Amino acid sequence: MLVLTRKKGEAIKIGDDIEIKIVSIQGDQIKIGINAPKSIEIHRQEIYQEIQLENKDAAKEIPNLLGLLPKTNNE
């Protein structure tokens, strides 16, 4: 893990397209701004984990749903 020290108004670049900027610092909270292409999804970690869990649960239902499809003549 890379650990960097930044002050309010300073930024970090990731590649050519992503910039993370320190917007404000209030007590033990830091607000950051992220500039990235729209094609890159950005989520808080807890939201990302929820999405992954929902995707995993949805994938479990695929075999059940496949059984509902009409049979073709090739089967």
C-alpha atoms as a PDB file:
ATOM      1  CA  MET A   1       0.000   0.000   0.000  1.00  0.00           C
ATOM      2  CA  LEU A   2       1.262   3.448  -0.879  1.00  0.00           C
ATOM      3  CA  VAL A   3       0.711   5.976   1.923  1.00  0.00           C
ATOM      4  CA  LEU A   4       0.918   9.678   1.068  1.00  0.00           C
ATOM      5  CA  THR A   5       0.511  12.854   3.091  1.00  0.00           C
ATOM      6  CA  ARG A   6      -1.579  15.594   1.480  1.00  0.00           C
ATOM      7  CA  LYS A   7      -2.888  18.964   2.658  1.00  0.00           C
ATOM      8  CA  LYS A   8      -6.173  20.653   1.843  1.00  0.00           C
ATOM      9  CA  GLY A   9      -6.237  21.584  -1.838  1.00  0.00           C
ATOM     10  CA  GLU A  10      -3.525  19.100  -2.802  1.00  0.00           C
ATOM     11  CA  ALA A  11      -4.200  16.131  -5.069  1.00  0.00           C
ATOM     12  CA  ILE A  12      -3.016  12.682  -6.059  1.00  0.00           C
ATOM     13  CA  LYS A  13      -2.953  11.473  -9.674  1.00  0.00           C
ATOM     14  CA  ILE A  14      -3.633   7.866 -10.631  1.00  0.00           C
ATOM     15  CA  GLY A  15      -2.590   7.274 -14.206  1.00  0.00           C
ATOM     16  CA  ASP A  16      -3.539   9.962 -16.712  1.00  0.00           C
ATOM     17  CA  ASP A  17      -7.286  10.049 -15.985  1.00  0.00           C
ATOM     18  CA  ILE A  18      -7.891   9.946 -12.230  1.00  0.00           C
ATOM     19  CA  GLU A  19      -7.320  12.731  -9.734  1.00  0.00           C
ATOM     20  CA  ILE A  20      -8.116  12.554  -6.028  1.00  0.00           C
ATOM     21  CA  LYS A  21      -8.187  15.964  -4.348  1.00  0.00           C
ATOM     22  CA  ILE A  22      -8.386  16.808  -0.651  1.00  0.00           C
ATOM     23  CA  VAL A  23     -11.373  19.179  -0.496  1.00  0.00           C
ATOM     24  CA  SER A  24     -11.648  19.802   3.246  1.00  0.00           C
ATOM     25  CA  ILE A  25     -10.523  18.537   6.626  1.00  0.00           C
ATOM     26  CA  GLN A  26     -12.801  18.873   9.666  1.00  0.00           C
ATOM     27  CA  GLY A  27     -11.733  17.057  12.806  1.00  0.00           C
ATOM     28  CA  ASP A  28     -11.284  13.395  11.977  1.00  0.00           C
ATOM     29  CA  GLN A  29     -13.178  13.638   8.675  1.00  0.00           C
ATOM     30  CA  ILE A  30     -11.583  14.318   5.321  1.00  0.00           C
ATOM     31  CA  LYS A  31     -13.652  15.182   2.252  1.00  0.00           C
ATOM     32  CA  ILE A  32     -12.153  14.107  -1.035  1.00  0.00           C
ATOM     33  CA  GLY A  33     -13.121  14.879  -4.603  1.00  0.00           C
ATOM     34  CA  ILE A  34     -12.522  12.355  -7.355  1.00  0.00           C
ATOM     35  CA  ASN A  35     -12.233  13.262 -11.034  1.00  0.00           C
ATOM     36  CA  ALA A  36     -12.373  10.177 -13.249  1.00  0.00           C
ATOM     37  CA  PRO A  37     -13.870   9.115 -16.574  1.00  0.00           C
ATOM     38  CA  LYS A  38     -17.554   8.185 -16.397  1.00  0.00           C
ATOM     39  CA  SER A  39     -16.611   4.652 -17.473  1.00  0.00           C
ATOM     40  CA  ILE A  40     -14.926   4.080 -14.098  1.00  0.00           C
ATOM     41  CA  GLU A  41     -17.300   3.178 -11.280  1.00  0.00           C
ATOM     42  CA  ILE A  42     -16.527   4.812  -7.935  1.00  0.00           C
ATOM     43  CA  HIS A  43     -18.187   3.573  -4.750  1.00  0.00           C
ATOM     44  CA  ARG A  44     -17.611   3.788  -1.018  1.00  0.00           C
ATOM     45  CA  GLN A  45     -16.210   0.450   0.154  1.00  0.00           C
ATOM     46  CA  GLU A  46     -19.340  -0.568   2.080  1.00  0.00           C
ATOM     47  CA  ILE A  47     -21.527   0.114  -0.986  1.00  0.00           C
ATOM     48  CA  TYR A  48     -19.134  -1.819  -3.228  1.00  0.00           C
ATOM     49  CA  GLN A  49     -19.317  -4.803  -0.858  1.00  0.00           C
ATOM     50  CA  GLU A  50     -23.139  -4.682  -0.905  1.00  0.00           C
ATOM     51  CA  ILE A  51     -23.137  -4.645  -4.716  1.00  0.00           C
ATOM     52  CA  GLN A  52     -20.785  -7.645  -4.804  1.00  0.00           C
ATOM     53  CA  LEU A  53     -23.010  -9.562  -2.367  1.00  0.00           C
ATOM     54  CA  GLU A  54     -26.152  -8.762  -4.369  1.00  0.00           C
ATOM     55  CA  ASN A  55     -24.426  -9.880  -7.585  1.00  0.00           C
ATOM     56  CA  LYS A  56     -23.336 -13.129  -5.930  1.00  0.00           C
ATOM     57  CA  ASP A  57     -26.875 -13.780  -4.659  1.00  0.00           C
ATOM     58  CA  ALA A  58     -28.364 -12.996  -8.082  1.00  0.00           C
ATOM     59  CA  ALA A  59     -25.917 -15.382  -9.775  1.00  0.00           C
ATOM     60  CA  LYS A  60     -27.171 -18.205  -7.531  1.00  0.00           C
ATOM     61  CA  GLU A  61     -30.614 -17.813  -9.116  1.00  0.00           C
ATOM     62  CA  ILE A  62     -29.409 -18.245 -12.709  1.00  0.00           C
ATOM     63  CA  PRO A  63     -29.725 -22.060 -12.764  1.00  0.00           C
ATOM     64  CA  ASN A  64     -33.328 -21.746 -11.504  1.00  0.00           C
ATOM     65  CA  LEU A  65     -34.142 -19.137 -14.133  1.00  0.00           C
ATOM     66  CA  LEU A  66     -32.584 -21.186 -16.934  1.00  0.00           C
ATOM     67  CA  GLY A  67     -35.089 -23.932 -16.149  1.00  0.00           C
ATOM     68  CA  LEU A  68     -37.920 -21.522 -16.957  1.00  0.00           C
ATOM     69  CA  LEU A  69     -36.727 -20.914 -20.514  1.00  0.00           C
ATOM     70  CA  PRO A  70     -38.702 -22.640 -23.258  1.00  0.00           C
ATOM     71  CA  LYS A  71     -37.089 -25.753 -24.701  1.00  0.00           C
ATOM     72  CA  THR A  72     -35.776 -25.518 -28.271  1.00  0.00           C
ATOM     73  CA  ASN A  73     -35.912 -28.223 -30.966  1.00  0.00           C
ATOM     74  CA  ASN A  74     -32.145 -28.636 -30.687  1.00  0.00           C
ATOM     75  CA  GLU A  75     -32.387 -30.168 -27.186  1.00  0.00           C
END
